[in-house]
């Protein structure tokens, strides 16, 4: 009964946004390969091919149906259970891990030690835009994997961070390239929409190249699967979909939205994860 309501909500969200929506795990090589301790970074890739449409269940009458009430009871139970619903605790663990990891990398990458120590000592509000940036997070996770496997050279996180100018407005490096800049559910998190990406003088051009490499490593379809630049109505539809989700799941919904970092539109399909060989006699970080 409740599954029918959630299925309707899902289909409605895809209609609002223009296609099917898939939650992609944290960025790695490609995004679907790498997990992070304490909770993944999330990227939403919206497939723009789905022809499905339906009337959206936004009316008060729909929300008062017995099946809707069952979903809302489950919503309350999940959030009240600290094993599932403590989003703030998850975020705090991620921030702490990011800070400690930067300090650890500073010891092994002395050429970029000052910038890495500055990151490790930054406060939560300064760290969150860096933690949520797909390119910086990917470089950070790759460097930690190198340390785990005994590699002590070829680090990239400190080198990238040292070339990125400070941003007083609290925007992550990749987010600064997005033109226009859109946050589809600003009341529930700092997710931004992949629109036109112009590095200009905002960030090093290498950042745009790396971002596109991450995209190409995660989406199949060749040139026809290039990112779709959403128009104003598509961006507004994301906000309507978010309002629908939070209406159906007033406690879990905002928590889910708060964990999304980037939203992009594509006509491609998510690439099947292929795990590249790890060095001999090392623990595979992608299966931990």
Protein backbone atom coordinates (compact mmCIF):
# COMPACT_ATOMS: atom_id res chain seq x y z
CA UNK A 1 0.00 0.00 0.00
CA UNK A 2 2.70 2.44 1.02
CA UNK A 3 4.86 1.30 -1.87
CA UNK A 4 2.20 2.52 -4.30
CA UNK A 5 2.38 5.98 -2.80
CA UNK A 6 6.18 6.07 -2.99
CA UNK A 7 6.05 4.73 -6.54
CA UNK A 8 3.69 7.55 -7.49
CA UNK A 9 5.98 10.06 -5.80
CA UNK A 10 8.98 8.72 -7.66
CA UNK A 11 7.22 8.82 -11.02
CA UNK A 12 5.94 12.29 -10.28
CA UNK A 13 9.43 13.50 -9.45
CA UNK A 14 10.76 12.10 -12.72
CA UNK A 15 7.97 13.84 -14.61
CA UNK A 16 8.62 17.11 -12.84
CA UNK A 17 12.32 16.91 -13.66
CA UNK A 18 11.85 15.63 -17.20
CA UNK A 19 12.93 11.99 -16.94
CA UNK A 20 13.97 9.12 -14.70
CA UNK A 21 16.07 9.77 -11.60
CA UNK A 22 18.84 7.56 -10.29
CA UNK A 23 20.86 8.12 -7.14
CA UNK A 24 24.54 7.71 -7.96
CA UNK A 25 26.95 6.65 -5.19
CA UNK A 26 30.01 8.70 -4.27
CA UNK A 27 32.46 9.89 -6.91
CA UNK A 28 35.38 7.63 -7.64
CA UNK A 29 36.53 5.90 -10.83
CA UNK A 30 33.70 6.05 -11.85
CA UNK A 31 31.31 7.43 -9.20
CA UNK A 32 29.80 4.01 -8.55
CA UNK A 33 33.11 2.45 -7.49
CA UNK A 34 34.05 4.16 -4.29
CA UNK A 35 32.44 4.14 -0.86
CA UNK A 36 33.42 6.48 1.92
CA UNK A 37 33.51 5.59 5.59
CA UNK A 38 30.69 7.19 7.53
CA UNK A 39 28.38 7.86 4.61
CA UNK A 40 28.66 8.50 0.87
CA UNK A 41 28.61 11.73 -1.03
CA UNK A 42 25.62 11.66 -3.36
CA UNK A 43 25.20 12.83 -6.91
CA UNK A 44 21.82 12.70 -8.63
CA UNK A 45 21.85 11.98 -12.36
CA UNK A 46 18.49 12.55 -14.04
CA UNK A 47 17.88 10.63 -17.25
CA UNK A 48 16.01 12.82 -19.72
CA UNK A 49 14.53 10.01 -21.83
CA UNK A 50 11.52 8.77 -19.87
CA UNK A 51 8.15 9.42 -21.59
CA UNK A 52 6.19 8.46 -18.49
CA UNK A 53 3.71 10.97 -17.09
CA UNK A 54 0.98 11.02 -14.49
CA UNK A 55 -0.98 13.33 -12.28
CA UNK A 56 1.17 14.26 -9.29
CA UNK A 57 -0.15 13.41 -5.81
CA UNK A 58 0.20 16.88 -4.32
CA UNK A 59 -3.32 17.47 -3.09
CA UNK A 60 -4.22 17.44 0.62
CA UNK A 61 -6.77 14.72 -0.14
CA UNK A 62 -4.00 12.45 -1.46
CA UNK A 63 -1.83 13.05 1.58
CA UNK A 64 -4.74 12.12 3.89
CA UNK A 65 -5.32 8.71 2.30
CA UNK A 66 -4.64 5.69 4.56
CA UNK A 67 -1.70 4.59 2.40
CA UNK A 68 -0.19 8.07 2.62
CA UNK A 69 -0.57 8.01 6.37
CA UNK A 70 1.22 4.64 6.49
CA UNK A 71 4.16 6.14 4.63
CA UNK A 72 4.25 9.07 7.04
CA UNK A 73 4.30 6.70 10.03
CA UNK A 74 7.28 4.89 8.51
CA UNK A 75 8.86 8.30 7.92
CA UNK A 76 8.58 9.14 11.62
CA UNK A 77 9.88 5.73 12.74
CA UNK A 78 12.97 5.92 10.55
CA UNK A 79 13.94 9.39 11.69
CA UNK A 80 13.30 8.60 15.36
CA UNK A 81 15.62 5.59 15.19
CA UNK A 82 19.19 6.87 15.58
CA UNK A 83 20.54 3.93 13.56
CA UNK A 84 18.82 5.34 10.47
CA UNK A 85 17.79 8.92 11.00
CA UNK A 86 20.62 10.91 12.57
CA UNK A 87 21.69 12.89 9.51
CA UNK A 88 23.52 15.47 11.55
CA UNK A 89 25.65 12.76 13.14
CA UNK A 90 26.47 11.33 9.71
CA UNK A 91 27.50 14.78 8.49
CA UNK A 92 29.65 15.37 11.55
CA UNK A 93 31.48 12.08 10.99
CA UNK A 94 32.10 12.96 7.36
CA UNK A 95 33.42 16.41 8.26
CA UNK A 96 35.67 14.95 10.97
CA UNK A 97 37.01 12.32 8.58
CA UNK A 98 37.72 14.99 5.96
CA UNK A 99 39.55 17.15 8.50
CA UNK A 100 41.63 14.28 9.91
CA UNK A 101 42.35 12.97 6.42
CA UNK A 102 43.69 16.37 5.31
CA UNK A 103 45.99 16.45 8.36
CA UNK A 104 47.22 12.94 7.57
CA UNK A 105 47.87 13.82 3.93
CA UNK A 106 49.83 16.90 5.02
CA UNK A 107 52.36 14.58 6.67
CA UNK A 108 52.91 12.63 3.46
CA UNK A 109 52.65 15.49 0.94
CA UNK A 110 54.95 18.13 2.47
CA UNK A 111 54.97 20.24 -0.68
CA UNK A 112 51.32 21.05 -0.03
CA UNK A 113 51.42 20.69 3.74
CA UNK A 114 50.44 24.30 4.54
CA UNK A 115 47.23 24.24 2.47
CA UNK A 116 46.31 20.78 3.75
CA UNK A 117 46.79 21.85 7.37
CA UNK A 118 44.74 24.96 6.75
CA UNK A 119 41.92 22.76 5.43
CA UNK A 120 42.21 20.40 8.40
CA UNK A 121 41.78 23.32 10.82
CA UNK A 122 38.90 24.99 8.98
CA UNK A 123 35.48 25.11 10.59
CA UNK A 124 32.49 23.10 9.47
CA UNK A 125 31.01 25.82 7.26
CA UNK A 126 34.30 26.18 5.39
CA UNK A 127 34.76 22.43 4.98
CA UNK A 128 31.31 21.51 3.69
CA UNK A 129 31.71 23.15 0.22
CA UNK A 130 35.03 21.32 -0.23
CA UNK A 131 33.65 18.04 1.08
CA UNK A 132 30.71 18.24 -1.34
CA UNK A 133 32.79 19.10 -4.41
CA UNK A 134 32.95 16.09 -6.78
CA UNK A 135 36.47 16.74 -8.07
CA UNK A 136 38.07 17.57 -4.72
CA UNK A 137 36.27 14.72 -2.96
CA UNK A 138 37.37 12.28 -5.64
CA UNK A 139 41.00 13.44 -5.32
CA UNK A 140 40.80 13.21 -1.51
CA UNK A 141 39.43 9.65 -1.60
CA UNK A 142 42.01 8.56 -4.18
CA UNK A 143 44.81 9.93 -2.01
CA UNK A 144 43.52 8.06 1.04
CA UNK A 145 43.39 4.85 -0.99
CA UNK A 146 47.03 5.43 -1.96
CA UNK A 147 47.96 5.77 1.71
CA UNK A 148 46.03 2.61 2.60
CA UNK A 149 47.93 0.71 -0.08
CA UNK A 150 51.35 2.01 0.93
CA UNK A 151 51.79 4.49 -1.92
CA UNK A 152 53.59 7.64 -0.78
CA UNK A 153 53.66 9.74 -3.95
CA UNK A 154 51.41 11.04 -6.72
CA UNK A 155 48.93 12.77 -4.40
CA UNK A 156 46.53 15.20 -6.08
CA UNK A 157 44.19 16.62 -3.42
CA UNK A 158 46.69 19.12 -1.97
CA UNK A 159 47.88 20.18 -5.43
CA UNK A 160 44.32 20.90 -6.55
CA UNK A 161 43.32 22.66 -3.34
CA UNK A 162 46.39 24.92 -3.47
CA UNK A 163 45.34 26.33 -6.84
CA UNK A 164 41.73 27.13 -5.94
CA UNK A 165 41.11 30.72 -4.82
CA UNK A 166 39.19 31.33 -1.62
CA UNK A 167 35.43 31.72 -2.00
CA UNK A 168 33.77 33.83 0.68
CA UNK A 169 30.26 32.97 -0.53
CA UNK A 170 30.57 29.33 0.55
CA UNK A 171 30.48 27.79 -2.94
CA UNK A 172 32.48 24.68 -3.79
CA UNK A 173 35.02 24.93 -6.63
CA UNK A 174 32.94 23.08 -9.26
CA UNK A 175 29.80 24.89 -8.18
CA UNK A 176 31.46 28.22 -8.99
CA UNK A 177 31.64 27.20 -12.66
CA UNK A 178 27.88 26.61 -12.99
CA UNK A 179 26.22 29.37 -15.05
CA UNK A 180 23.54 30.15 -14.13
CA UNK A 181 23.97 29.12 -10.52
CA UNK A 182 20.93 27.15 -9.29
CA UNK A 183 20.23 25.51 -5.94
CA UNK A 184 16.96 23.62 -6.46
CA UNK A 185 16.08 23.04 -2.80
CA UNK A 186 18.07 25.63 -0.89
CA UNK A 187 15.89 25.18 2.22
CA UNK A 188 17.00 21.55 2.56
CA UNK A 189 20.63 21.49 1.46
CA UNK A 190 23.36 22.92 -0.73
CA UNK A 191 22.85 20.76 -3.84
CA UNK A 192 23.53 22.64 -7.07
CA UNK A 193 22.48 21.99 -10.66
CA UNK A 194 24.99 21.18 -13.42
CA UNK A 195 24.20 23.93 -15.91
CA UNK A 196 26.77 25.48 -18.30
CA UNK A 197 30.23 25.05 -16.80
CA UNK A 198 32.53 28.03 -17.37
CA UNK A 199 35.83 28.01 -15.43
CA UNK A 200 36.77 31.57 -16.57
CA UNK A 201 38.88 33.05 -13.79
CA UNK A 202 36.85 31.40 -11.01
CA UNK A 203 38.80 28.12 -10.82
CA UNK A 204 41.69 26.43 -12.70
CA UNK A 205 40.67 24.98 -16.07
CA UNK A 206 41.96 21.59 -14.90
CA UNK A 207 38.99 21.38 -12.58
CA UNK A 208 36.51 21.44 -15.48
CA UNK A 209 38.55 18.77 -17.28
CA UNK A 210 38.55 16.50 -14.24
CA UNK A 211 34.82 17.00 -13.69
CA UNK A 212 34.11 15.96 -17.26
CA UNK A 213 36.36 12.91 -16.89
CA UNK A 214 34.36 11.83 -13.84
CA UNK A 215 31.15 12.26 -15.83
CA UNK A 216 32.47 10.31 -18.83
CA UNK A 217 33.62 7.53 -16.49
CA UNK A 218 30.13 7.17 -15.07
CA UNK A 219 27.75 7.67 -18.01
CA UNK A 220 27.55 5.50 -21.14
CA UNK A 221 26.42 6.68 -24.55
CA UNK A 222 29.29 8.57 -26.16
CA UNK A 223 28.76 12.11 -27.51
CA UNK A 224 24.97 11.66 -27.49
CA UNK A 225 25.16 11.29 -23.69
CA UNK A 226 26.66 14.72 -23.11
CA UNK A 227 25.23 16.57 -20.09
CA UNK A 228 21.90 18.21 -20.85
CA UNK A 229 21.88 21.90 -19.91
CA UNK A 230 18.54 22.39 -18.12
CA UNK A 231 16.35 25.37 -18.88
CA UNK A 232 14.67 27.49 -16.22
CA UNK A 233 11.51 25.35 -16.19
CA UNK A 234 13.49 22.13 -15.68
CA UNK A 235 15.27 23.74 -12.74
CA UNK A 236 11.99 24.94 -11.24
CA UNK A 237 10.57 21.43 -11.68
CA UNK A 238 13.33 20.08 -9.44
CA UNK A 239 12.10 22.37 -6.70
CA UNK A 240 8.52 21.17 -7.20
CA UNK A 241 9.69 17.56 -7.01
CA UNK A 242 11.54 18.33 -3.78
CA UNK A 243 8.43 19.90 -2.29
CA UNK A 244 6.45 16.80 -3.21
CA UNK A 245 9.03 14.52 -1.58
CA UNK A 246 9.04 16.54 1.63
CA UNK A 247 5.23 16.62 1.65
CA UNK A 248 5.06 12.82 1.48
CA UNK A 249 8.06 12.25 3.77
CA UNK A 250 8.33 15.39 5.92
CA UNK A 251 11.24 14.05 7.98
CA UNK A 252 13.14 11.62 5.74
CA UNK A 253 12.64 13.78 2.64
CA UNK A 254 14.66 16.79 3.83
CA UNK A 255 17.34 14.43 5.14
CA UNK A 256 17.69 12.75 1.74
CA UNK A 257 17.83 16.07 -0.09
CA UNK A 258 20.48 17.31 2.30
CA UNK A 259 22.79 14.47 1.27
CA UNK A 260 22.69 15.31 -2.46
CA UNK A 261 25.61 17.41 -3.67
CA UNK A 262 25.09 17.80 -7.43
CA UNK A 263 22.11 17.32 -9.76
CA UNK A 264 22.70 16.83 -13.48
CA UNK A 265 20.60 15.88 -16.50
CA UNK A 266 21.73 13.33 -19.10
CA UNK A 267 20.42 11.20 -21.96
CA UNK A 268 22.96 8.50 -21.25
CA UNK A 269 22.82 5.49 -18.96
CA UNK A 270 24.81 4.90 -15.83
CA UNK A 271 27.92 2.90 -16.67
CA UNK A 272 28.13 -0.62 -15.27
CA UNK A 273 30.72 -0.62 -12.52
CA UNK A 274 33.94 -2.31 -13.57
CA UNK A 275 36.48 -2.69 -10.79
CA UNK A 276 40.02 -2.06 -12.06
CA UNK A 277 42.72 -4.36 -10.68
CA UNK A 278 44.19 -3.37 -7.33
CA UNK A 279 47.88 -3.85 -6.49
CA UNK A 280 48.71 -7.34 -5.32
CA UNK A 281 48.31 -8.17 -1.64
CA UNK A 282 46.27 -5.04 -0.87
CA UNK A 283 42.81 -4.75 0.61
CA UNK A 284 40.37 -3.66 -2.06
CA UNK A 285 38.90 -0.33 -0.88
CA UNK A 286 35.98 -0.63 -3.27
CA UNK A 287 34.73 -3.80 -1.56
CA UNK A 288 35.17 -2.63 2.04
